[in-house]
Protein backbone atom coordinates (compact mmCIF):
# COMPACT_ATOMS: atom_id res chain seq x y z
CA MET A 1 -1.11 125.21 28.61
CA PRO A 2 -2.49 124.97 31.98
CA HIS A 3 -2.84 129.13 32.55
CA ALA A 4 -5.02 131.54 30.99
CA LEU A 5 -2.10 133.57 28.93
CA GLY A 6 0.61 131.17 29.43
CA PRO A 7 3.10 130.24 26.28
CA GLN A 8 0.91 129.38 23.21
CA THR A 9 3.65 127.40 21.71
CA ALA A 10 4.97 124.82 24.52
CA VAL A 11 8.76 124.60 25.23
CA THR A 12 9.72 121.16 26.91
CA VAL A 13 12.62 120.78 30.05
CA PRO A 14 13.38 117.45 31.00
CA LEU A 15 12.76 116.71 34.22
CA ARG A 16 16.24 115.26 35.21
CA GLU A 17 17.30 119.25 34.59
CA VAL A 18 15.05 120.70 37.03
CA ALA A 19 16.00 117.77 39.78
CA ASP A 20 19.77 118.71 39.40
CA ALA A 21 19.12 122.79 39.45
CA LEU A 22 17.06 121.50 42.65
CA GLY A 23 20.10 119.43 44.22
CA VAL A 24 17.71 116.36 44.62
CA ALA A 25 17.15 112.70 42.97
CA VAL A 26 13.90 111.97 40.87
CA ARG A 27 12.03 109.32 42.37
CA TYR A 28 10.45 106.76 40.22
CA GLN A 29 7.49 104.80 41.00
CA ARG A 30 6.96 102.51 38.12
CA THR A 31 6.34 99.12 39.59
CA GLY A 32 8.46 96.14 38.00
CA ALA A 33 12.30 96.14 36.82
CA ALA A 34 11.15 98.06 33.20
CA PRO A 35 13.05 101.07 33.15
CA VAL A 36 10.85 104.62 32.73
CA PRO A 37 10.59 105.06 28.69
CA GLY A 38 12.70 107.93 27.48
CA PRO A 39 13.57 111.22 29.33
CA VAL A 40 10.20 112.99 31.19
CA LEU A 41 9.82 116.10 29.40
CA LEU A 42 8.03 118.91 31.36
CA SER A 43 6.13 121.47 29.20
CA GLY A 44 4.35 123.55 32.62
CA VAL A 45 4.25 123.96 35.96
CA SER A 46 0.89 124.03 38.14
CA VAL A 47 0.10 124.24 41.59
CA SER A 48 -4.22 123.53 41.26
CA THR A 49 -5.34 120.22 39.54
CA ASP A 50 -7.95 122.05 37.46
CA ASP A 51 -4.85 123.63 35.54
CA VAL A 52 -2.85 120.56 35.21
CA ARG A 53 -2.77 119.07 31.18
CA PRO A 54 -0.41 116.64 29.93
CA GLY A 55 3.27 117.36 30.34
CA VAL A 56 2.93 119.46 33.68
CA LEU A 57 5.10 119.31 36.34
CA PHE A 58 2.22 119.05 39.87
CA ALA A 59 3.63 120.88 42.40
CA ALA A 60 1.92 119.38 45.75
CA LEU A 61 2.18 122.16 48.41
CA PRO A 62 1.04 121.92 52.34
CA GLY A 63 -2.17 124.04 52.84
CA ARG A 64 -3.81 125.16 56.12
CA ARG A 65 -6.07 122.30 56.12
CA ALA A 66 -4.83 119.63 53.56
CA HIS A 67 -1.85 118.76 51.47
CA GLY A 68 -1.45 118.96 48.03
CA ALA A 69 0.04 115.47 47.92
CA ALA A 70 -3.58 114.20 48.44
CA HIS A 71 -4.76 115.40 44.86
CA ALA A 72 -1.36 113.89 43.47
CA GLY A 73 -4.13 110.84 41.50
CA ARG A 74 -5.98 113.43 40.16
CA ALA A 75 -3.19 115.60 38.51
CA ALA A 76 -1.86 111.89 37.03
CA ARG A 77 -5.02 111.12 35.73
CA ALA A 78 -5.49 114.83 33.91
CA GLY A 79 -1.49 114.18 32.35
CA ALA A 80 0.46 115.59 34.89
CA ALA A 81 4.36 114.10 33.98
CA ALA A 82 5.55 114.67 37.58
CA VAL A 83 5.04 115.39 41.25
CA LEU A 84 7.02 118.22 43.54
CA THR A 85 6.50 118.08 46.44
CA ASP A 86 7.79 117.94 50.53
CA THR A 87 8.52 114.66 52.83
CA ALA A 88 5.02 115.25 54.53
CA GLY A 89 3.69 114.81 50.77
CA ALA A 90 5.87 112.41 49.50
CA ALA A 91 4.10 108.90 49.88
CA ASP A 92 0.92 110.62 48.69
CA ALA A 93 2.78 111.29 45.49
CA ALA A 94 4.51 108.21 45.08
CA ALA A 95 1.06 106.49 45.24
CA SER A 96 0.47 108.36 42.15
CA GLY A 97 2.73 106.70 40.27
CA LEU A 98 4.52 109.87 38.85
CA PRO A 99 8.16 110.25 39.09
CA VAL A 100 8.53 112.93 42.23
CA LEU A 101 10.98 115.14 43.61
CA VAL A 102 11.08 115.87 47.19
CA VAL A 103 12.56 119.37 48.89
CA ASP A 104 12.17 120.84 52.04
CA ASP A 105 10.23 123.89 51.01
CA PRO A 106 8.41 123.36 47.77
CA ARG A 107 6.39 126.72 47.79
CA GLY A 108 10.08 128.45 48.45
CA ALA A 109 11.60 126.35 45.26
CA LEU A 110 8.41 126.54 42.83
CA GLY A 111 9.29 130.41 41.56
CA HIS A 112 12.98 129.43 40.36
CA VAL A 113 11.17 125.80 39.15
CA ALA A 114 8.71 127.75 36.76
CA ALA A 115 11.62 130.33 35.62
CA LEU A 116 13.59 127.17 34.50
CA VAL A 117 10.74 125.12 33.00
CA TYR A 118 9.38 128.41 31.12
CA GLY A 119 12.59 130.01 30.21
CA THR A 120 11.62 133.24 31.95
CA ALA A 121 14.83 133.35 34.41
CA ALA A 122 16.11 136.61 32.06
CA PRO A 123 13.46 138.37 30.18
CA GLU A 124 14.34 141.27 27.89
CA ALA A 125 11.14 143.27 28.50
CA THR A 126 11.56 145.61 31.15
CA LEU A 127 9.89 144.78 34.44
CA LEU A 128 8.08 147.11 36.87
CA ALA A 129 6.85 146.30 39.88
CA VAL A 130 4.45 148.18 42.63
CA THR A 131 3.60 147.71 45.86
CA GLY A 132 2.30 149.46 49.14
CA THR A 133 -1.05 149.45 50.65
CA ASN A 134 -3.13 151.74 48.30
CA GLY A 135 -2.50 152.72 44.77
CA LYS A 136 -0.73 149.47 43.46
CA THR A 137 -3.22 148.78 41.39
CA THR A 138 -4.10 152.43 39.55
CA THR A 139 -0.26 152.63 39.16
CA VAL A 140 0.35 149.13 37.27
CA HIS A 141 -2.49 150.80 34.88
CA LEU A 142 -1.17 153.80 34.69
CA LEU A 143 2.19 152.53 33.98
CA ASP A 144 0.63 150.44 31.22
CA ALA A 145 -1.03 153.29 29.92
CA VAL A 146 1.88 155.73 29.74
CA MET A 147 4.19 152.59 27.73
CA ARG A 148 1.08 152.39 25.64
CA SER A 149 1.65 155.73 24.90
CA LEU A 150 5.28 155.75 24.11
CA GLY A 151 4.59 153.08 21.43
CA TRP A 152 5.39 149.78 23.53
CA ARG A 153 3.78 146.62 23.45
CA THR A 154 2.51 145.81 27.14
CA ALA A 155 1.42 143.35 29.68
CA SER A 156 0.13 143.92 33.46
CA THR A 157 -1.52 142.10 36.05
CA SER A 158 -2.84 143.55 38.58
CA THR A 159 -6.11 142.87 41.13
CA VAL A 160 -8.51 143.58 38.54
CA GLU A 161 -7.20 141.94 35.49
CA ARG A 162 -4.00 140.35 33.63
CA HIS A 163 -3.83 141.45 29.89
CA VAL A 164 -0.99 140.40 27.54
CA ALA A 165 -0.88 142.34 24.11
CA GLY A 166 -4.39 143.05 24.56
CA VAL A 167 -5.44 140.02 25.63
CA THR A 168 -7.31 140.31 28.69
CA VAL A 169 -8.69 137.96 31.81
CA PRO A 170 -10.22 138.58 35.08
CA SER A 171 -7.86 137.95 38.00
CA VAL A 172 -8.10 135.63 41.12
CA LEU A 173 -5.16 137.24 43.37
CA THR A 174 -3.82 139.90 43.23
CA THR A 175 -0.43 138.76 42.72
CA PRO A 176 -0.65 135.12 41.00
CA GLU A 177 1.20 131.89 42.03
CA ALA A 178 4.51 131.77 40.43
CA PRO A 179 3.58 128.85 38.00
CA GLU A 180 1.15 131.73 36.76
CA LEU A 181 3.38 134.09 36.66
CA HIS A 182 5.85 132.54 34.97
CA ALA A 183 3.90 131.80 32.68
CA PHE A 184 2.33 135.01 31.80
CA LEU A 185 5.84 136.50 31.39
CA ALA A 186 6.57 133.89 29.13
CA ARG A 187 3.43 134.55 27.01
CA ALA A 188 4.38 138.51 27.10
CA ALA A 189 8.03 137.32 25.37
CA GLU A 190 6.43 135.43 22.59
CA GLU A 191 4.20 138.32 22.15
CA GLY A 192 7.36 140.80 21.86
CA VAL A 193 6.03 142.22 24.88
CA ARG A 194 8.61 145.37 25.74
CA GLY A 195 7.26 146.65 28.86
CA VAL A 196 5.75 144.65 32.01
CA ALA A 197 3.82 146.18 35.18
CA LEU A 198 3.05 143.91 38.21
CA GLU A 199 1.47 144.48 41.03
CA VAL A 200 3.09 142.95 43.81
CA SER A 201 1.42 142.25 47.26
CA ALA A 202 2.99 141.47 50.87
CA GLN A 203 1.68 138.14 50.58
CA ALA A 204 3.17 137.67 46.98
CA LEU A 205 6.24 138.85 48.90
CA SER A 206 5.84 136.25 51.88
CA ARG A 207 4.50 133.17 49.94
CA HIS A 208 6.98 133.01 47.39
CA ARG A 209 4.79 133.75 44.27
CA VAL A 210 7.25 136.42 42.80
CA ASP A 211 10.72 134.23 43.32
CA GLY A 212 12.44 133.98 40.38
CA VAL A 213 11.66 137.42 38.75
CA VAL A 214 13.88 139.99 39.18
CA VAL A 215 12.26 143.85 38.05
CA ASP A 216 14.28 146.49 36.74
CA VAL A 217 12.36 148.51 38.86
CA ALA A 218 10.14 148.59 42.33
CA GLY A 219 7.98 151.29 43.43
CA PHE A 220 6.25 151.55 47.06
CA THR A 221 3.37 153.67 47.10
CA ASN A 222 2.32 153.92 50.64
CA LEU A 223 1.80 151.53 53.98
CA SER A 224 -1.12 152.09 55.97
CA HIS A 225 -3.18 149.70 58.34
CA ASP A 226 -4.46 146.77 56.65
CA HIS A 227 -4.05 142.51 56.68
CA LEU A 228 -3.09 142.42 60.31
CA ASP A 229 -5.13 139.35 59.79
CA ASP A 230 -1.95 138.07 58.30
CA TYR A 231 1.00 139.90 59.75
CA ALA A 232 1.70 139.83 63.62
CA ASP A 233 1.53 143.78 63.41
CA LEU A 234 2.58 146.99 60.80
CA ASP A 235 6.59 146.14 61.18
CA GLU A 236 6.06 143.05 59.99
CA TYR A 237 3.96 143.86 56.99
CA LEU A 238 6.43 146.43 56.22
CA ALA A 239 9.19 144.25 56.50
CA ALA A 240 7.18 141.28 53.78
CA LYS A 241 6.53 144.82 51.17
CA ALA A 242 10.45 146.18 51.57
CA SER A 243 11.76 142.65 50.83
CA LEU A 244 10.53 143.65 46.95
CA PHE A 245 13.86 146.54 47.45
CA THR A 246 16.46 143.62 47.42
CA PRO A 247 19.11 142.67 45.05
CA GLU A 248 17.05 139.52 44.88
CA ARG A 249 14.06 140.82 43.74
CA SER A 250 14.92 144.19 42.04
CA ARG A 251 17.82 146.23 40.38
CA ALA A 252 16.72 149.78 41.51
CA GLY A 253 13.60 151.58 43.33
CA VAL A 254 11.33 154.94 43.76
CA VAL A 255 9.76 155.38 47.13
CA SER A 256 7.07 157.43 47.65
CA LEU A 257 7.49 159.26 51.12
CA ASP A 258 3.90 160.23 51.26
CA SER A 259 3.79 157.87 54.44
CA PRO A 260 5.88 157.39 56.98
CA ALA A 261 7.32 153.88 56.29
CA GLY A 262 8.52 155.51 53.02
CA ARG A 263 11.29 156.94 54.91
CA ARG A 264 12.03 153.41 56.44
CA ILE A 265 11.79 151.63 52.84
CA ALA A 266 14.24 154.03 51.60
CA ALA A 267 16.64 153.66 54.11
CA GLY A 268 16.49 149.98 54.37
CA ALA A 269 16.81 149.23 50.87
CA GLY A 270 19.61 146.90 49.15
CA VAL A 271 19.22 149.03 45.79
CA PRO A 272 19.39 152.19 44.50
CA VAL A 273 16.67 154.52 45.40
CA THR A 274 15.29 157.75 44.44
CA THR A 275 12.44 159.48 46.19
CA ILE A 276 8.72 161.02 45.40
CA THR A 277 6.30 163.11 47.26
CA THR A 278 3.09 165.22 46.88
CA ASP A 279 4.65 167.58 49.93
CA PRO A 280 6.46 170.89 49.05
CA SER A 281 8.21 170.39 52.63
CA THR A 282 9.20 167.00 52.13
CA ARG A 283 13.10 166.89 50.63
CA ALA A 284 12.78 164.21 47.74
CA ASP A 285 14.20 163.54 44.40
CA TRP A 286 11.11 164.01 42.63
CA HIS A 287 8.19 166.23 43.39
CA VAL A 288 4.25 165.98 42.36
CA ASP A 289 2.78 169.51 42.46
CA VAL A 290 -1.41 169.56 42.34
CA VAL A 291 -2.23 172.58 40.32
CA GLY A 292 -5.93 171.44 39.79
CA GLN A 293 -8.61 169.02 40.98
CA GLU A 294 -11.76 168.57 38.76
CA VAL A 295 -14.51 166.12 39.11
CA ASP A 296 -13.35 164.72 35.85
CA GLY A 297 -9.48 164.73 36.47
CA THR A 298 -6.25 165.86 38.49
CA ARG A 299 -3.57 168.27 37.11
CA SER A 300 0.00 168.35 38.24
CA VAL A 301 3.51 169.49 37.62
CA LEU A 302 6.14 166.78 38.35
CA THR A 303 9.57 167.81 38.84
CA ALA A 304 12.64 165.61 38.27
CA PRO A 305 15.48 165.27 40.13
CA ASP A 306 17.55 167.30 37.74
CA GLY A 307 14.73 170.27 37.74
CA THR A 308 12.92 169.27 34.71
CA SER A 309 9.65 169.62 34.90
CA MET A 310 6.37 168.13 32.77
CA ALA A 311 2.35 168.25 33.26
CA LEU A 312 0.96 165.56 33.93
CA VAL A 313 -3.15 165.50 33.89
CA VAL A 314 -4.67 162.08 34.70
CA PRO A 315 -8.54 161.39 34.23
CA LEU A 316 -8.61 160.25 38.25
CA LEU A 317 -10.10 162.17 41.15
CA GLY A 318 -7.23 163.30 43.60
CA VAL A 319 -4.15 163.88 44.93
CA HIS A 320 -3.33 160.53 45.40
CA ALA A 321 -4.11 159.77 41.98
CA ALA A 322 -1.48 162.52 41.11
CA ALA A 323 0.80 160.77 43.46
CA ASP A 324 0.15 157.52 41.58
CA ALA A 325 0.99 159.29 38.21
CA GLY A 326 3.98 160.55 39.12
CA LEU A 327 5.50 157.44 40.72
CA ALA A 328 4.81 155.76 37.00
CA VAL A 329 6.53 158.25 35.66
CA ALA A 330 9.49 158.41 37.90
CA MET A 331 10.01 154.72 37.38
CA LEU A 332 9.61 154.50 33.37
CA ALA A 333 12.75 157.13 34.16
CA THR A 334 14.70 155.48 36.17
CA ALA A 335 14.46 152.26 33.69
CA GLY A 336 16.28 154.36 31.17
CA VAL A 337 13.07 156.10 29.15
CA PRO A 338 13.98 159.53 28.30
CA LEU A 339 12.29 162.67 30.56
CA VAL A 340 11.49 164.17 26.96
CA ASP A 341 9.67 161.18 25.47
CA LEU A 342 7.77 160.53 28.69
CA ALA A 343 6.31 164.19 28.16
CA ALA A 344 5.60 163.65 24.70
CA ALA A 345 3.96 160.69 25.47
CA THR A 346 2.01 162.44 28.43
CA ALA A 347 1.16 165.57 26.73
CA GLY A 348 -2.58 164.87 25.89
CA GLY A 349 -3.14 163.76 29.44
CA VAL A 350 -2.68 160.12 30.60
CA ASP A 351 -5.34 157.86 28.88
CA VAL A 352 -6.03 155.42 31.22
CA VAL A 353 -9.26 153.87 32.79
CA VAL A 354 -8.90 151.74 36.39
CA PRO A 355 -11.98 149.23 36.49
CA GLY A 356 -13.65 149.56 39.83
CA ARG A 357 -11.80 152.39 40.86
CA MET A 358 -14.01 155.46 41.83
CA ALA A 359 -16.40 154.52 39.14
CA ASP A 360 -18.70 157.21 38.22
CA ALA A 361 -22.12 155.87 38.21
CA SER A 362 -24.09 159.67 38.46
CA GLY A 363 -26.48 160.34 36.00
CA VAL A 364 -26.92 163.44 33.43
CA THR A 365 -28.19 165.63 36.70
CA GLY A 366 -28.85 164.36 40.17
CA PRO A 367 -25.80 163.97 43.13
CA ARG A 368 -22.69 162.54 41.83
CA VAL A 369 -22.22 158.94 42.75
CA TRP A 370 -18.40 157.01 43.02
CA VAL A 371 -18.53 153.38 43.57
CA ASP A 372 -14.75 152.34 44.71
CA PHE A 373 -13.07 149.43 45.90
CA ALA A 374 -11.20 150.22 48.89
CA HIS A 375 -10.74 148.69 52.03
CA THR A 376 -8.86 150.42 54.28
CA PRO A 377 -8.86 153.83 56.21
CA ASP A 378 -6.52 155.20 54.75
CA ALA A 379 -8.26 154.64 50.94
CA PHE A 380 -11.51 156.18 52.34
CA ALA A 381 -9.53 159.35 53.70
CA LYS A 382 -7.61 160.18 50.62
CA SER A 383 -11.09 159.50 48.74
CA LEU A 384 -13.52 161.88 50.62
CA THR A 385 -10.92 164.51 50.68
CA ALA A 386 -10.65 164.15 46.79
CA VAL A 387 -14.98 164.35 46.50
CA ARG A 388 -14.77 166.98 48.92
CA ALA A 389 -12.71 169.07 46.52
CA VAL A 390 -14.92 168.82 44.16
CA THR A 391 -18.20 169.39 45.52
CA SER A 392 -19.72 172.30 47.79
CA GLY A 393 -22.80 170.19 48.75
CA ARG A 394 -22.91 167.08 51.10
CA VAL A 395 -20.89 164.11 51.43
CA ALA A 396 -22.14 160.68 52.25
CA ILE A 397 -20.17 157.66 52.53
CA VAL A 398 -21.68 153.87 52.33
CA LEU A 399 -19.24 151.43 53.69
CA GLY A 400 -19.13 148.12 55.13
CA ALA A 401 -16.41 145.90 55.67
CA ASP A 402 -15.31 142.29 54.55
CA GLY A 403 -15.88 139.30 56.91
CA ASP A 404 -13.36 136.61 57.77
CA ARG A 405 -10.52 139.46 57.11
CA ASP A 406 -8.39 141.77 59.57
CA PRO A 407 -11.11 142.76 62.23
CA SER A 408 -8.85 145.28 63.82
CA LYS A 409 -9.06 148.41 61.14
CA ARG A 410 -13.08 148.59 61.37
CA ARG A 411 -13.12 150.84 63.95
CA ALA A 412 -10.98 152.75 62.59
CA MET A 413 -12.89 152.95 59.13
CA GLY A 414 -16.10 154.13 61.00
CA MET A 415 -13.72 156.91 62.48
CA VAL A 416 -12.49 158.09 58.91
CA ALA A 417 -15.62 158.08 57.56
CA ALA A 418 -17.53 159.72 59.74
CA THR A 419 -14.63 162.36 60.22
CA GLY A 420 -14.56 163.27 55.97
CA ALA A 421 -18.60 162.65 55.89
CA ASP A 422 -21.28 164.44 56.26
CA VAL A 423 -23.59 161.50 56.35
CA VAL A 424 -22.20 157.82 57.26
CA VAL A 425 -23.94 155.05 55.66
CA VAL A 426 -23.11 151.66 57.04
CA ALA A 427 -24.19 148.29 55.42
CA ASP A 428 -23.22 144.90 54.49
CA HIS A 429 -20.11 144.12 52.29
CA HIS A 430 -19.18 140.65 52.11
CA PRO A 431 -19.89 138.74 55.29
CA ARG A 432 -18.69 135.39 54.27
CA PHE A 433 -18.94 133.08 57.17
CA GLU A 434 -18.59 136.31 59.62
CA ASP A 435 -22.25 137.27 61.63
CA PRO A 436 -22.56 140.92 59.77
CA GLY A 437 -23.95 142.47 62.89
CA PRO A 438 -20.98 142.60 64.88
CA ILE A 439 -18.89 143.36 61.55
CA ARG A 440 -21.42 146.59 61.04
CA ALA A 441 -21.27 147.03 64.95
CA ALA A 442 -17.60 148.02 65.02
CA ILE A 443 -18.00 150.67 62.30
CA LEU A 444 -20.57 152.21 63.98
CA ALA A 445 -19.00 152.59 67.30
CA GLY A 446 -15.78 153.97 65.62
CA ALA A 447 -18.08 156.56 63.59
CA ARG A 448 -19.97 157.36 66.85
CA ALA A 449 -17.00 157.95 68.43
CA VAL A 450 -15.61 160.59 66.67
CA GLY A 451 -18.58 163.26 67.60
CA SER A 452 -18.19 164.80 64.19
CA GLY A 453 -22.25 165.58 64.05
CA ALA A 454 -22.38 163.42 61.15
CA LEU A 455 -25.38 161.47 60.52
CA VAL A 456 -24.73 157.99 61.09
CA LEU A 457 -27.09 155.96 59.56
CA GLU A 458 -27.08 151.65 60.05
CA GLU A 459 -28.71 149.70 57.19
CA PRO A 460 -27.68 146.15 56.24
CA GLU A 461 -29.31 146.01 53.11
CA PRO A 462 -27.10 147.88 50.15
CA ALA A 463 -29.61 148.28 48.06
CA ARG A 464 -31.52 150.50 50.87
CA ALA A 465 -28.13 151.90 52.29
CA ILE A 466 -27.41 153.80 48.64
CA ARG A 467 -30.94 155.14 48.22
CA ARG A 468 -30.93 156.36 52.16
CA ALA A 469 -27.43 157.78 51.04
CA LEU A 470 -28.82 159.28 47.94
CA ALA A 471 -31.63 161.03 49.68
CA ALA A 472 -29.61 162.41 52.45
CA VAL A 473 -27.37 164.39 50.36
CA GLY A 474 -29.84 166.03 47.73
CA ASP A 475 -29.43 166.53 44.20
CA ASP A 476 -26.11 168.61 44.74
CA GLY A 477 -24.05 166.43 46.87
CA VAL A 478 -21.98 163.46 46.51
CA VAL A 479 -21.91 159.46 47.38
CA TYR A 480 -18.85 157.77 48.10
CA TRP A 481 -19.47 153.97 48.06
CA ALA A 482 -16.35 152.51 49.45
CA GLY A 483 -15.90 148.70 48.92
CA PRO A 484 -17.29 146.92 46.40
CA GLY A 485 -16.04 148.41 42.99
CA LEU A 486 -17.32 146.46 39.90
CA THR A 487 -17.62 142.98 41.82
CA PRO A 488 -20.80 141.74 40.62
CA TYR A 489 -21.82 139.75 43.77
CA ARG A 490 -21.78 139.68 47.21
CA ASP A 491 -19.86 136.76 49.32
CA VAL A 492 -22.52 135.26 51.83
CA ALA A 493 -21.68 132.40 53.90
CA GLY A 494 -19.60 130.97 51.18
CA VAL A 495 -22.56 131.87 48.32
CA HIS A 496 -21.75 134.42 45.50
CA VAL A 497 -25.17 136.22 45.54
CA PRO A 498 -25.43 138.50 42.13
CA TYR A 499 -25.16 141.74 43.34
CA SER A 500 -23.50 144.80 41.55
CA SER A 501 -23.24 148.36 43.31
CA PHE A 502 -22.22 149.86 40.74
CA GLU A 503 -25.59 148.92 38.40
CA ASP A 504 -28.23 149.26 41.69
CA ALA A 505 -26.84 153.03 41.97
CA ARG A 506 -27.46 153.56 38.63
CA THR A 507 -30.93 152.40 38.92
CA ALA A 508 -31.50 154.17 42.38
CA LEU A 509 -30.64 157.36 40.34
CA ALA A 510 -32.58 156.47 37.83
CA GLU A 511 -35.85 155.74 40.48
CA ALA A 512 -35.20 159.62 41.63
CA GLY A 513 -35.71 160.69 37.88
CA HIS A 514 -31.83 160.96 36.99
CA ALA A 515 -31.06 159.68 33.50
CA PRO A 516 -27.90 157.90 32.76
CA ARG A 517 -25.48 159.52 30.92
CA GLU A 518 -25.87 156.83 27.98
CA ALA A 519 -29.58 158.08 27.62
CA ALA A 520 -27.86 161.82 27.33
CA ARG A 521 -25.42 160.73 24.45
CA ALA A 522 -27.87 158.58 22.63
């Protein structure tokens, strides 16, 4: 099958059935009078010629720089059975010699077409979807962990990875394109998966990637400054996320009130919604009370709408981690899992690892070092608050910002960094095709505008930046490296330059005489 986690057994659907569902005629392009020999059968759908295999419907979509129909000939040579496109792509699609379906909005039709071809319109598994600015990935991994503790066979897809019943592949997009998502759901059904957790970005909702899927419970984490290169303002960004809480996409919702946007989501939802918060002064259906924060985890008490309480322990740092855990449990309860079962499943703590989120690169001795995949001012603020809660020493942040991404948040990133840390080291991250100098300048301007007294340093080279941060905090301090996570490269002018922030942090600590933790256990 064309997708890495697609079904292993192909089930074919006649092209005519797809055409009827779309209300269009099939345009056959064969030369001469001979009829098409037998029905055209579809076994999959793809938007990329790299994924086309015999029997696949190639969706030729309009792009920013070119039209996908220009590649229809390549798709035909790879074995595509037919092409789905729009009027602008019809001629190129016809030139491929394949049967063509022409609709006004092929991207808008794609999810429902994929659901028909893969047979995923009415999945038996419990489907859970999480949206928000920060915390989506962590909540998805927590959902998966709790479902596994319940004894369920699971599947999940997040920014980091996709897995079905133990088979894991890395992710390319936070939320896959509709054909890949439906192929993933078909594989989950094939494997007898009982619970599926989906991370859903605003872009996925705006660009029809989750069309054809109605989840049992949608969850909302928070909303903060991000993606204003894609959306005109925060209201438009919020509206995209709010669309998950409509009958076309979900049956119920659990909404965190920890950011002001939560109230707007809850008030405007078109499906039944319950609310949750970590703020004791906020009225909500569910409450998360953090009772302990340690270097190795966070302890909280979750109280349900009926007053039932349960202890939650997660090996993750900070109040926001407890909030994500509470949201995950509340979503499962809303999906119908009895609280007594959830309490039993989490009684020994939630066994979860979130790759690239607050990855601990610390040595046996010396300063603690966390390398995080974070890229918003709000994420920085929450993580800096979390590390402050578990150290009495100095706190340093090493940060950069992505090039060719929302530049409006860079100054705020610097301001948050200088407010929450004693030492701010501004380095290059993924400059992509931007000049990295102005990126750093915007962050530095924000950091220096705060007047907090923080030491603000500019060090473009990440390898030198981490070493300067370690030297600045001393052996009893903390370094929070925000941005790279476990990404094994830096994107510089379109070239993936090999570099691991996590491994370099470990190397820098070893150079300073702090042995890696593995050596202590050996």
